């Protein structure tokens, strides 16, 4: 009987505070972090799908979220290590609506009706 491999997440740049999951992870599952940073492991705090971001360290509210060595967003609240980083806890610096995008579709909120 073989043991399934430990899921992993890729840290693109050593300064990144998020990694990208290379396989689905279950809550509590140990994730191996590979890539530019020091090889390490952390537990997923919740179910996270392949291709989504996982926090590698604690990210305080209003701090930058860094991937590819560049800021890709701002934490809307404190994000704990192993937590899913997505539309519910980060926002864009470029789009004021981003804090209210639909969690699953990424759709912006409906525009308010225009007065004729």
PDB file of N, CA and C in Angstrom:
ATOM      1  N   UNK A   1       0.854  -1.178   0.000  1.00  0.00           N
ATOM      2  CA  UNK A   1       0.000   0.000   0.000  1.00  0.00           C
ATOM      3  C   UNK A   1       0.897   1.239   0.000  1.00  0.00           C
ATOM      4  N   UNK A   2       0.608   2.178  -0.887  1.00  0.00           N
ATOM      5  CA  UNK A   2       1.415   3.393  -0.969  1.00  0.00           C
ATOM      6  C   UNK A   2       0.694   4.546  -0.295  1.00  0.00           C
ATOM      7  N   UNK A   3       1.470   5.454   0.249  1.00  0.00           N
ATOM      8  CA  UNK A   3       0.934   6.653   0.879  1.00  0.00           C
ATOM      9  C   UNK A   3       0.840   7.737  -0.178  1.00  0.00           C
ATOM     10  N   UNK A   4      -0.315   8.419  -0.260  1.00  0.00           N
ATOM     11  CA  UNK A   4      -0.418   9.490  -1.250  1.00  0.00           C
ATOM     12  C   UNK A   4       0.597  10.584  -0.938  1.00  0.00           C
ATOM     13  N   UNK A   5       1.121  11.257  -1.967  1.00  0.00           N
ATOM     14  CA  UNK A   5       2.109  12.311  -1.726  1.00  0.00           C
ATOM     15  C   UNK A   5       1.500  13.478  -0.959  1.00  0.00           C
ATOM     16  N   UNK A   6       2.342  14.155  -0.207  1.00  0.00           N
ATOM     17  CA  UNK A   6       1.918  15.353   0.510  1.00  0.00           C
ATOM     18  C   UNK A   6       1.657  16.453  -0.510  1.00  0.00           C
ATOM     19  N   UNK A   7       0.518  17.140  -0.410  1.00  0.00           N
ATOM     20  CA  UNK A   7       0.282  18.262  -1.335  1.00  0.00           C
ATOM     21  C   UNK A   7       1.383  19.313  -1.171  1.00  0.00           C
ATOM     22  N   UNK A   8       1.638  20.053  -2.230  1.00  0.00           N
ATOM     23  CA  UNK A   8       2.652  21.088  -2.152  1.00  0.00           C
ATOM     24  C   UNK A   8       2.117  22.404  -2.704  1.00  0.00           C
ATOM     25  N   UNK A   9       2.820  23.456  -2.338  1.00  0.00           N
ATOM     26  CA  UNK A   9       2.523  24.798  -2.838  1.00  0.00           C
ATOM     27  C   UNK A   9       3.831  25.398  -3.312  1.00  0.00           C
ATOM     28  N   UNK A  10       3.760  26.163  -4.382  1.00  0.00           N
ATOM     29  CA  UNK A  10       4.951  26.744  -4.983  1.00  0.00           C
ATOM     30  C   UNK A  10       5.087  28.206  -4.582  1.00  0.00           C
ATOM     31  N   UNK A  11       6.229  28.556  -4.006  1.00  0.00           N
ATOM     32  CA  UNK A  11       6.567  29.936  -3.679  1.00  0.00           C
ATOM     33  C   UNK A  11       7.443  30.447  -4.818  1.00  0.00           C
ATOM     34  N   UNK A  12       6.912  31.346  -5.625  1.00  0.00           N
ATOM     35  CA  UNK A  12       7.595  31.802  -6.825  1.00  0.00           C
ATOM     36  C   UNK A  12       8.873  32.567  -6.499  1.00  0.00           C
ATOM     37  N   UNK A  13       8.797  33.498  -5.566  1.00  0.00           N
ATOM     38  CA  UNK A  13       9.926  34.371  -5.218  1.00  0.00           C
ATOM     39  C   UNK A  13      10.155  34.276  -3.713  1.00  0.00           C
ATOM     40  N   UNK A  14      11.392  34.370  -3.285  1.00  0.00           N
ATOM     41  CA  UNK A  14      11.718  34.225  -1.862  1.00  0.00           C
ATOM     42  C   UNK A  14      11.004  35.250  -0.979  1.00  0.00           C
ATOM     43  N   UNK A  15      10.628  36.412  -1.526  1.00  0.00           N
ATOM     44  CA  UNK A  15       9.937  37.433  -0.731  1.00  0.00           C
ATOM     45  C   UNK A  15       8.421  37.240  -0.694  1.00  0.00           C
ATOM     46  N   UNK A  16       7.889  36.259  -1.434  1.00  0.00           N
ATOM     47  CA  UNK A  16       6.433  36.040  -1.475  1.00  0.00           C
ATOM     48  C   UNK A  16       5.909  35.602  -0.113  1.00  0.00           C
ATOM     49  N   UNK A  17       4.741  36.136   0.274  1.00  0.00           N
ATOM     50  CA  UNK A  17       4.106  35.682   1.508  1.00  0.00           C
ATOM     51  C   UNK A  17       2.928  34.754   1.229  1.00  0.00           C
ATOM     52  N   UNK A  18       2.745  34.382  -0.048  1.00  0.00           N
ATOM     53  CA  UNK A  18       1.754  33.376  -0.442  1.00  0.00           C
ATOM     54  C   UNK A  18       2.414  32.381  -1.388  1.00  0.00           C
ATOM     55  N   UNK A  19       1.858  31.171  -1.418  1.00  0.00           N
ATOM     56  CA  UNK A  19       2.269  30.160  -2.380  1.00  0.00           C
ATOM     57  C   UNK A  19       1.046  29.700  -3.141  1.00  0.00           C
ATOM     58  N   UNK A  20       1.260  29.052  -4.276  1.00  0.00           N
ATOM     59  CA  UNK A  20       0.161  28.548  -5.101  1.00  0.00           C
ATOM     60  C   UNK A  20       0.090  27.040  -4.944  1.00  0.00           C
ATOM     61  N   UNK A  21      -1.079  26.534  -4.567  1.00  0.00           N
ATOM     62  CA  UNK A  21      -1.242  25.095  -4.369  1.00  0.00           C
ATOM     63  C   UNK A  21      -1.137  24.344  -5.686  1.00  0.00           C
ATOM     64  N   UNK A  22      -0.366  23.271  -5.667  1.00  0.00           N
ATOM     65  CA  UNK A  22      -0.180  22.435  -6.853  1.00  0.00           C
ATOM     66  C   UNK A  22      -1.125  21.237  -6.861  1.00  0.00           C
ATOM     67  N   UNK A  23      -1.917  21.090  -5.810  1.00  0.00           N
ATOM     68  CA  UNK A  23      -2.945  20.056  -5.692  1.00  0.00           C
ATOM     69  C   UNK A  23      -3.948  20.531  -4.648  1.00  0.00           C
ATOM     70  N   UNK A  24      -5.151  19.961  -4.672  1.00  0.00           N
ATOM     71  CA  UNK A  24      -6.137  20.296  -3.648  1.00  0.00           C
ATOM     72  C   UNK A  24      -5.594  19.917  -2.277  1.00  0.00           C
ATOM     73  N   UNK A  25      -5.978  20.693  -1.255  1.00  0.00           N
ATOM     74  CA  UNK A  25      -5.577  20.398   0.121  1.00  0.00           C
ATOM     75  C   UNK A  25      -6.810  20.422   1.014  1.00  0.00           C
ATOM     76  N   UNK A  26      -6.847  19.516   1.953  1.00  0.00           N
ATOM     77  CA  UNK A  26      -7.931  19.457   2.933  1.00  0.00           C
ATOM     78  C   UNK A  26      -7.534  20.233   4.180  1.00  0.00           C
ATOM     79  N   UNK A  27      -8.531  20.645   4.961  1.00  0.00           N
ATOM     80  CA  UNK A  27      -8.257  21.332   6.226  1.00  0.00           C
ATOM     81  C   UNK A  27      -7.393  20.438   7.104  1.00  0.00           C
ATOM     82  N   UNK A  28      -6.340  21.005   7.669  1.00  0.00           N
ATOM     83  CA  UNK A  28      -5.449  20.272   8.550  1.00  0.00           C
ATOM     84  C   UNK A  28      -4.351  19.501   7.848  1.00  0.00           C
ATOM     85  N   UNK A  29      -4.437  19.393   6.534  1.00  0.00           N
ATOM     86  CA  UNK A  29      -3.440  18.629   5.777  1.00  0.00           C
ATOM     87  C   UNK A  29      -2.119  19.385   5.715  1.00  0.00           C
ATOM     88  N   UNK A  30      -1.025  18.662   5.865  1.00  0.00           N
ATOM     89  CA  UNK A  30       0.306  19.253   5.810  1.00  0.00           C
ATOM     90  C   UNK A  30       0.683  19.540   4.366  1.00  0.00           C
ATOM     91  N   UNK A  31       1.152  20.760   4.091  1.00  0.00           N
ATOM     92  CA  UNK A  31       1.520  21.218   2.751  1.00  0.00           C
ATOM     93  C   UNK A  31       3.026  21.443   2.721  1.00  0.00           C
ATOM     94  N   UNK A  32       3.707  20.882   1.727  1.00  0.00           N
ATOM     95  CA  UNK A  32       5.135  21.143   1.529  1.00  0.00           C
ATOM     96  C   UNK A  32       5.276  22.391   0.658  1.00  0.00           C
ATOM     97  N   UNK A  33       6.061  23.344   1.120  1.00  0.00           N
ATOM     98  CA  UNK A  33       6.297  24.573   0.368  1.00  0.00           C
ATOM     99  C   UNK A  33       7.600  24.392  -0.400  1.00  0.00           C
ATOM    100  N   UNK A  34       7.531  24.541  -1.718  1.00  0.00           N
ATOM    101  CA  UNK A  34       8.695  24.380  -2.589  1.00  0.00           C
ATOM    102  C   UNK A  34       8.872  25.647  -3.412  1.00  0.00           C
ATOM    103  N   UNK A  35      10.063  25.820  -3.968  1.00  0.00           N
ATOM    104  CA  UNK A  35      10.307  26.975  -4.823  1.00  0.00           C
ATOM    105  C   UNK A  35      11.461  27.801  -4.325  1.00  0.00           C
ATOM    106  N   UNK A  36      11.321  29.117  -4.430  1.00  0.00           N
ATOM    107  CA  UNK A  36      12.420  30.035  -4.149  1.00  0.00           C
ATOM    108  C   UNK A  36      12.745  30.211  -2.676  1.00  0.00           C
ATOM    109  N   UNK A  37      11.786  30.002  -1.805  1.00  0.00           N
ATOM    110  CA  UNK A  37      12.044  30.181  -0.372  1.00  0.00           C
ATOM    111  C   UNK A  37      12.660  28.925   0.216  1.00  0.00           C
ATOM    112  N   UNK A  38      12.920  28.964   1.496  1.00  0.00           N
ATOM    113  CA  UNK A  38      13.441  27.787   2.185  1.00  0.00           C
ATOM    114  C   UNK A  38      12.349  26.720   2.228  1.00  0.00           C
ATOM    115  N   UNK A  39      12.698  25.476   1.945  1.00  0.00           N
ATOM    116  CA  UNK A  39      11.728  24.385   1.975  1.00  0.00           C
ATOM    117  C   UNK A  39      11.162  24.265   3.390  1.00  0.00           C
ATOM    118  N   UNK A  40       9.855  24.213   3.482  1.00  0.00           N
ATOM    119  CA  UNK A  40       9.189  24.139   4.776  1.00  0.00           C
ATOM    120  C   UNK A  40       7.843  23.455   4.602  1.00  0.00           C
ATOM    121  N   UNK A  41       7.120  23.301   5.685  1.00  0.00           N
ATOM    122  CA  UNK A  41       5.778  22.739   5.639  1.00  0.00           C
ATOM    123  C   UNK A  41       4.867  23.562   6.543  1.00  0.00           C
ATOM    124  N   UNK A  42       3.579  23.558   6.215  1.00  0.00           N
ATOM    125  CA  UNK A  42       2.584  24.161   7.081  1.00  0.00           C
ATOM    126  C   UNK A  42       1.258  23.464   6.847  1.00  0.00           C
ATOM    127  N   UNK A  43       0.367  23.562   7.811  1.00  0.00           N
ATOM    128  CA  UNK A  43      -0.938  22.923   7.715  1.00  0.00           C
ATOM    129  C   UNK A  43      -1.950  23.879   7.097  1.00  0.00           C
ATOM    130  N   UNK A  44      -2.751  23.354   6.176  1.00  0.00           N
ATOM    131  CA  UNK A  44      -3.843  24.139   5.597  1.00  0.00           C
ATOM    132  C   UNK A  44      -4.893  24.354   6.681  1.00  0.00           C
ATOM    133  N   UNK A  45      -5.355  25.560   6.849  1.00  0.00           N
ATOM    134  CA  UNK A  45      -6.356  25.871   7.869  1.00  0.00           C
ATOM    135  C   UNK A  45      -7.774  25.552   7.402  1.00  0.00           C
ATOM    136  N   UNK A  46      -7.918  25.332   6.097  1.00  0.00           N
ATOM    137  CA  UNK A  46      -9.232  25.050   5.508  1.00  0.00           C
ATOM    138  C   UNK A  46      -8.998  24.342   4.185  1.00  0.00           C
ATOM    139  N   UNK A  47     -10.077  23.863   3.562  1.00  0.00           N
ATOM    140  CA  UNK A  47      -9.964  23.239   2.244  1.00  0.00           C
ATOM    141  C   UNK A  47      -9.564  24.328   1.251  1.00  0.00           C
ATOM    142  N   UNK A  48      -8.533  24.043   0.450  1.00  0.00           N
ATOM    143  CA  UNK A  48      -8.067  24.998  -0.555  1.00  0.00           C
ATOM    144  C   UNK A  48      -7.860  24.241  -1.861  1.00  0.00           C
ATOM    145  N   UNK A  49      -8.397  24.759  -2.936  1.00  0.00           N
ATOM    146  CA  UNK A  49      -8.308  24.105  -4.239  1.00  0.00           C
ATOM    147  C   UNK A  49      -6.984  24.375  -4.935  1.00  0.00           C
ATOM    148  N   UNK A  50      -6.589  23.431  -5.771  1.00  0.00           N
ATOM    149  CA  UNK A  50      -5.392  23.572  -6.586  1.00  0.00           C
ATOM    150  C   UNK A  50      -5.442  24.892  -7.349  1.00  0.00           C
ATOM    151  N   UNK A  51      -4.304  25.566  -7.439  1.00  0.00           N
ATOM    152  CA  UNK A  51      -4.212  26.825  -8.167  1.00  0.00           C
ATOM    153  C   UNK A  51      -4.515  28.044  -7.324  1.00  0.00           C
ATOM    154  N   UNK A  52      -5.051  27.832  -6.123  1.00  0.00           N
ATOM    155  CA  UNK A  52      -5.359  28.965  -5.246  1.00  0.00           C
ATOM    156  C   UNK A  52      -4.178  29.258  -4.340  1.00  0.00           C
ATOM    157  N   UNK A  53      -4.202  30.422  -3.718  1.00  0.00           N
ATOM    158  CA  UNK A  53      -3.100  30.874  -2.879  1.00  0.00           C
ATOM    159  C   UNK A  53      -3.301  30.461  -1.429  1.00  0.00           C
ATOM    160  N   UNK A  54      -2.175  30.150  -0.769  1.00  0.00           N
ATOM    161  CA  UNK A  54      -2.156  29.838   0.651  1.00  0.00           C
ATOM    162  C   UNK A  54      -1.164  30.798   1.316  1.00  0.00           C
ATOM    163  N   UNK A  55      -1.546  31.338   2.473  1.00  0.00           N
ATOM    164  CA  UNK A  55      -0.647  32.239   3.201  1.00  0.00           C
ATOM    165  C   UNK A  55       0.498  31.421   3.791  1.00  0.00           C
ATOM    166  N   UNK A  56       1.721  31.868   3.529  1.00  0.00           N
ATOM    167  CA  UNK A  56       2.906  31.177   4.043  1.00  0.00           C
ATOM    168  C   UNK A  56       3.304  31.689   5.417  1.00  0.00           C
ATOM    169  N   UNK A  57       2.903  32.902   5.737  1.00  0.00           N
ATOM    170  CA  UNK A  57       3.190  33.555   7.015  1.00  0.00           C
ATOM    171  C   UNK A  57       1.950  34.352   7.409  1.00  0.00           C
ATOM    172  N   UNK A  58       1.925  34.844   8.637  1.00  0.00           N
ATOM    173  CA  UNK A  58       0.841  35.739   9.039  1.00  0.00           C
ATOM    174  C   UNK A  58       0.970  37.045   8.253  1.00  0.00           C
ATOM    175  N   UNK A  59      -0.159  37.519   7.744  1.00  0.00           N
ATOM    176  CA  UNK A  59      -0.188  38.777   6.984  1.00  0.00           C
ATOM    177  C   UNK A  59      -1.139  39.719   7.722  1.00  0.00           C
ATOM    178  N   UNK A  60      -0.610  40.762   8.356  1.00  0.00           N
ATOM    179  CA  UNK A  60      -1.480  41.690   9.098  1.00  0.00           C
ATOM    180  C   UNK A  60      -2.458  42.421   8.179  1.00  0.00           C
ATOM    181  N   UNK A  61      -3.564  42.857   8.750  1.00  0.00           N
ATOM    182  CA  UNK A  61      -4.551  43.644   8.005  1.00  0.00           C
ATOM    183  C   UNK A  61      -3.865  44.859   7.385  1.00  0.00           C
ATOM    184  N   UNK A  62      -4.218  45.152   6.157  1.00  0.00           N
ATOM    185  CA  UNK A  62      -3.714  46.293   5.373  1.00  0.00           C
ATOM    186  C   UNK A  62      -2.274  46.135   4.902  1.00  0.00           C
ATOM    187  N   UNK A  63      -1.671  44.964   5.113  1.00  0.00           N
ATOM    188  CA  UNK A  63      -0.327  44.707   4.600  1.00  0.00           C
ATOM    189  C   UNK A  63      -0.410  44.149   3.182  1.00  0.00           C
ATOM    190  N   UNK A  64       0.656  44.305   2.409  1.00  0.00           N
ATOM    191  CA  UNK A  64       0.660  43.787   1.037  1.00  0.00           C
ATOM    192  C   UNK A  64       0.692  42.268   0.986  1.00  0.00           C
ATOM    193  N   UNK A  65       0.047  41.733  -0.031  1.00  0.00           N
ATOM    194  CA  UNK A  65       0.130  40.309  -0.370  1.00  0.00           C
ATOM    195  C   UNK A  65       1.063  40.243  -1.568  1.00  0.00           C
ATOM    196  N   UNK A  66       2.135  39.463  -1.426  1.00  0.00           N
ATOM    197  CA  UNK A  66       3.194  39.446  -2.425  1.00  0.00           C
ATOM    198  C   UNK A  66       3.305  38.084  -3.088  1.00  0.00           C
ATOM    199  N   UNK A  67       3.297  38.097  -4.426  1.00  0.00           N
ATOM    200  CA  UNK A  67       3.486  36.904  -5.248  1.00  0.00           C
ATOM    201  C   UNK A  67       4.305  37.354  -6.458  1.00  0.00           C
ATOM    202  N   UNK A  68       5.166  36.502  -6.972  1.00  0.00           N
ATOM    203  CA  UNK A  68       6.060  36.861  -8.079  1.00  0.00           C
ATOM    204  C   UNK A  68       7.050  37.953  -7.673  1.00  0.00           C
ATOM    205  N   UNK A  69       7.200  38.192  -6.353  1.00  0.00           N
ATOM    206  CA  UNK A  69       8.068  39.256  -5.887  1.00  0.00           C
ATOM    207  C   UNK A  69       7.452  40.637  -5.991  1.00  0.00           C
ATOM    208  N   UNK A  70       6.150  40.713  -6.323  1.00  0.00           N
ATOM    209  CA  UNK A  70       5.462  42.005  -6.432  1.00  0.00           C
ATOM    210  C   UNK A  70       4.158  41.965  -5.632  1.00  0.00           C
ATOM    211  N   UNK A  71       3.679  43.132  -5.259  1.00  0.00           N
ATOM    212  CA  UNK A  71       2.424  43.230  -4.519  1.00  0.00           C
ATOM    213  C   UNK A  71       1.266  42.937  -5.469  1.00  0.00           C
ATOM    214  N   UNK A  72       0.440  41.962  -5.100  1.00  0.00           N
ATOM    215  CA  UNK A  72      -0.728  41.624  -5.923  1.00  0.00           C
ATOM    216  C   UNK A  72      -2.034  42.016  -5.247  1.00  0.00           C
ATOM    217  N   UNK A  73      -1.971  42.448  -4.000  1.00  0.00           N
ATOM    218  CA  UNK A  73      -3.174  42.832  -3.280  1.00  0.00           C
ATOM    219  C   UNK A  73      -2.844  43.300  -1.882  1.00  0.00           C
ATOM    220  N   UNK A  74      -3.893  43.632  -1.132  1.00  0.00           N
ATOM    221  CA  UNK A  74      -3.783  44.107   0.241  1.00  0.00           C
ATOM    222  C   UNK A  74      -4.702  43.251   1.110  1.00  0.00           C
ATOM    223  N   UNK A  75      -4.197  42.827   2.264  1.00  0.00           N
ATOM    224  CA  UNK A  75      -5.013  42.037   3.194  1.00  0.00           C
ATOM    225  C   UNK A  75      -6.123  42.913   3.774  1.00  0.00           C
ATOM    226  N   UNK A  76      -7.364  42.446   3.682  1.00  0.00           N
ATOM    227  CA  UNK A  76      -8.494  43.193   4.232  1.00  0.00           C
ATOM    228  C   UNK A  76      -8.624  42.964   5.740  1.00  0.00           C
ATOM    229  N   UNK A  77      -8.010  41.890   6.227  1.00  0.00           N
ATOM    230  CA  UNK A  77      -7.984  41.540   7.648  1.00  0.00           C
ATOM    231  C   UNK A  77      -6.738  40.704   7.867  1.00  0.00           C
ATOM    232  N   UNK A  78      -6.430  40.375   9.097  1.00  0.00           N
ATOM    233  CA  UNK A  78      -5.278  39.512   9.362  1.00  0.00           C
ATOM    234  C   UNK A  78      -5.522  38.147   8.709  1.00  0.00           C
ATOM    235  N   UNK A  79      -4.507  37.638   8.032  1.00  0.00           N
ATOM    236  CA  UNK A  79      -4.577  36.331   7.384  1.00  0.00           C
ATOM    237  C   UNK A  79      -3.539  35.442   8.054  1.00  0.00           C
ATOM    238  N   UNK A  80      -3.977  34.303   8.546  1.00  0.00           N
ATOM    239  CA  UNK A  80      -3.101  33.400   9.291  1.00  0.00           C
ATOM    240  C   UNK A  80      -2.335  32.467   8.348  1.00  0.00           C
ATOM    241  N   UNK A  81      -1.164  31.981   8.761  1.00  0.00           N
ATOM    242  CA  UNK A  81      -0.424  31.001   7.946  1.00  0.00           C
ATOM    243  C   UNK A  81      -1.305  29.777   7.678  1.00  0.00           C
ATOM    244  N   UNK A  82      -1.299  29.304   6.440  1.00  0.00           N
ATOM    245  CA  UNK A  82      -2.105  28.151   6.066  1.00  0.00           C
ATOM    246  C   UNK A  82      -3.520  28.489   5.636  1.00  0.00           C
ATOM    247  N   UNK A  83      -3.886  29.760   5.670  1.00  0.00           N
ATOM    248  CA  UNK A  83      -5.232  30.188   5.297  1.00  0.00           C
ATOM    249  C   UNK A  83      -5.317  30.447   3.790  1.00  0.00           C
ATOM    250  N   UNK A  84      -6.471  30.198   3.217  1.00  0.00           N
ATOM    251  CA  UNK A  84      -6.757  30.477   1.817  1.00  0.00           C
ATOM    252  C   UNK A  84      -6.736  31.988   1.618  1.00  0.00           C
ATOM    253  N   UNK A  85      -6.006  32.456   0.619  1.00  0.00           N
ATOM    254  CA  UNK A  85      -5.943  33.881   0.297  1.00  0.00           C
ATOM    255  C   UNK A  85      -6.717  34.072  -1.001  1.00  0.00           C
ATOM    256  N   UNK A  86      -7.823  34.812  -0.906  1.00  0.00           N
ATOM    257  CA  UNK A  86      -8.705  34.978  -2.061  1.00  0.00           C
ATOM    258  C   UNK A  86      -9.545  36.241  -1.857  1.00  0.00           C
ATOM    259  N   UNK A  87     -10.614  36.367  -2.598  1.00  0.00           N
ATOM    260  CA  UNK A  87     -11.429  37.581  -2.622  1.00  0.00           C
ATOM    261  C   UNK A  87     -12.078  37.935  -1.290  1.00  0.00           C
ATOM    262  N   UNK A  88     -12.216  36.980  -0.396  1.00  0.00           N
ATOM    263  CA  UNK A  88     -12.869  37.239   0.883  1.00  0.00           C
ATOM    264  C   UNK A  88     -11.939  37.896   1.903  1.00  0.00           C
ATOM    265  N   UNK A  89     -10.623  37.889   1.645  1.00  0.00           N
ATOM    266  CA  UNK A  89      -9.713  38.460   2.636  1.00  0.00           C
ATOM    267  C   UNK A  89      -8.603  39.335   2.019  1.00  0.00           C
ATOM    268  N   UNK A  90      -8.692  39.604   0.721  1.00  0.00           N
ATOM    269  CA  UNK A  90      -7.740  40.525   0.105  1.00  0.00           C
ATOM    270  C   UNK A  90      -8.452  41.359  -0.955  1.00  0.00           C
ATOM    271  N   UNK A  91      -7.857  42.480  -1.254  1.00  0.00           N
ATOM    272  CA  UNK A  91      -8.438  43.378  -2.254  1.00  0.00           C
ATOM    273  C   UNK A  91      -7.324  43.912  -3.142  1.00  0.00           C
ATOM    274  N   UNK A  92      -7.721  44.409  -4.267  1.00  0.00           N
ATOM    275  CA  UNK A  92      -6.790  45.007  -5.220  1.00  0.00           C
ATOM    276  C   UNK A  92      -6.495  46.445  -4.823  1.00  0.00           C
ATOM    277  N   UNK A  93      -5.311  46.896  -5.157  1.00  0.00           N
ATOM    278  CA  UNK A  93      -4.992  48.321  -5.001  1.00  0.00           C
ATOM    279  C   UNK A  93      -5.511  49.114  -6.190  1.00  0.00           C
ATOM    280  N   UNK A  94      -5.883  48.408  -7.256  1.00  0.00           N
ATOM    281  CA  UNK A  94      -6.244  49.061  -8.506  1.00  0.00           C
ATOM    282  C   UNK A  94      -7.740  49.160  -8.736  1.00  0.00           C
ATOM    283  N   UNK A  95      -8.535  48.349  -8.060  1.00  0.00           N
ATOM    284  CA  UNK A  95      -9.974  48.313  -8.305  1.00  0.00           C
ATOM    285  C   UNK A  95     -10.699  48.428  -6.966  1.00  0.00           C
ATOM    286  N   UNK A  96     -11.319  49.563  -6.719  1.00  0.00           N
ATOM    287  CA  UNK A  96     -11.996  49.816  -5.446  1.00  0.00           C
ATOM    288  C   UNK A  96     -13.113  48.818  -5.162  1.00  0.00           C
ATOM    289  N   UNK A  97     -13.666  48.192  -6.211  1.00  0.00           N
ATOM    290  CA  UNK A  97     -14.758  47.241  -6.023  1.00  0.00           C
ATOM    291  C   UNK A  97     -14.265  45.883  -5.544  1.00  0.00           C
ATOM    292  N   UNK A  98     -12.958  45.633  -5.607  1.00  0.00           N
ATOM    293  CA  UNK A  98     -12.439  44.281  -5.414  1.00  0.00           C
ATOM    294  C   UNK A  98     -12.773  43.670  -4.065  1.00  0.00           C
ATOM    295  N   UNK A  99     -12.997  44.473  -3.044  1.00  0.00           N
ATOM    296  CA  UNK A  99     -13.354  43.929  -1.737  1.00  0.00           C
ATOM    297  C   UNK A  99     -14.731  43.320  -1.700  1.00  0.00           C
ATOM    298  N   UNK A 100     -15.520  43.517  -2.769  1.00  0.00           N
ATOM    299  CA  UNK A 100     -16.878  42.968  -2.787  1.00  0.00           C
ATOM    300  C   UNK A 100     -17.124  42.045  -3.977  1.00  0.00           C
ATOM    301  N   UNK A 101     -16.054  41.596  -4.656  1.00  0.00           N
ATOM    302  CA  UNK A 101     -16.222  40.638  -5.756  1.00  0.00           C
ATOM    303  C   UNK A 101     -16.831  39.349  -5.220  1.00  0.00           C
ATOM    304  N   UNK A 102     -17.617  38.669  -6.042  1.00  0.00           N
ATOM    305  CA  UNK A 102     -18.193  37.385  -5.664  1.00  0.00           C
ATOM    306  C   UNK A 102     -17.079  36.377  -5.418  1.00  0.00           C
ATOM    307  N   UNK A 103     -17.136  35.685  -4.288  1.00  0.00           N
ATOM    308  CA  UNK A 103     -16.084  34.767  -3.869  1.00  0.00           C
ATOM    309  C   UNK A 103     -15.840  33.648  -4.869  1.00  0.00           C
ATOM    310  N   UNK A 104     -16.881  33.139  -5.505  1.00  0.00           N
ATOM    311  CA  UNK A 104     -16.735  31.979  -6.379  1.00  0.00           C
ATOM    312  C   UNK A 104     -16.585  32.321  -7.851  1.00  0.00           C
ATOM    313  N   UNK A 105     -17.229  33.410  -8.294  1.00  0.00           N
ATOM    314  CA  UNK A 105     -17.158  33.751  -9.721  1.00  0.00           C
ATOM    315  C   UNK A 105     -16.184  34.883 -10.008  1.00  0.00           C
ATOM    316  N   UNK A 106     -15.863  35.685  -8.985  1.00  0.00           N
ATOM    317  CA  UNK A 106     -15.001  36.842  -9.196  1.00  0.00           C
ATOM    318  C   UNK A 106     -15.730  38.018  -9.816  1.00  0.00           C
ATOM    319  N   UNK A 107     -17.042  37.902  -9.976  1.00  0.00           N
ATOM    320  CA  UNK A 107     -17.828  38.963 -10.604  1.00  0.00           C
ATOM    321  C   UNK A 107     -17.903  40.181  -9.687  1.00  0.00           C
ATOM    322  N   UNK A 108     -17.791  41.379 -10.266  1.00  0.00           N
ATOM    323  CA  UNK A 108     -17.941  42.588  -9.450  1.00  0.00           C
ATOM    324  C   UNK A 108     -19.395  42.747  -9.027  1.00  0.00           C
ATOM    325  N   UNK A 109     -19.654  43.559  -7.996  1.00  0.00           N
ATOM    326  CA  UNK A 109     -21.042  43.787  -7.584  1.00  0.00           C
ATOM    327  C   UNK A 109     -21.809  44.478  -8.697  1.00  0.00           C
ATOM    328  N   UNK A 110     -23.096  44.305  -8.677  1.00  0.00           N
ATOM    329  CA  UNK A 110     -23.938  44.946  -9.688  1.00  0.00           C
ATOM    330  C   UNK A 110     -23.790  46.465  -9.584  1.00  0.00           C
ATOM    331  N   UNK A 111     -23.721  47.079 -10.730  1.00  0.00           N
ATOM    332  CA  UNK A 111     -23.609  48.538 -10.771  1.00  0.00           C
ATOM    333  C   UNK A 111     -24.925  49.150 -10.308  1.00  0.00           C
ATOM    334  N   UNK A 112     -24.868  50.265  -9.568  1.00  0.00           N
ATOM    335  CA  UNK A 112     -26.125  50.912  -9.161  1.00  0.00           C
ATOM    336  C   UNK A 112     -26.869  51.427 -10.380  1.00  0.00           C
ATOM    337  N   UNK A 113     -28.180  51.450 -10.308  1.00  0.00           N
ATOM    338  CA  UNK A 113     -28.943  51.957 -11.467  1.00  0.00           C
ATOM    339  C   UNK A 113     -28.575  53.403 -11.771  1.00  0.00           C
ATOM    340  N   UNK A 114     -28.562  53.736 -13.040  1.00  0.00           N
ATOM    341  CA  UNK A 114     -28.249  55.103 -13.471  1.00  0.00           C
ATOM    342  C   UNK A 114     -29.537  55.905 -13.538  1.00  0.00           C
ATOM    343  N   UNK A 115     -29.460  57.159 -13.171  1.00  0.00           N
ATOM    344  CA  UNK A 115     -30.610  58.063 -13.300  1.00  0.00           C
ATOM    345  C   UNK A 115     -30.623  58.598 -14.721  1.00  0.00           C
ATOM    346  N   UNK A 116     -31.795  58.494 -15.421  1.00  0.00           N
ATOM    347  CA  UNK A 116     -31.839  59.001 -16.803  1.00  0.00           C
ATOM    348  C   UNK A 116     -31.807  60.505 -16.879  1.00  0.00           C
TER     349      UNK A 116
END
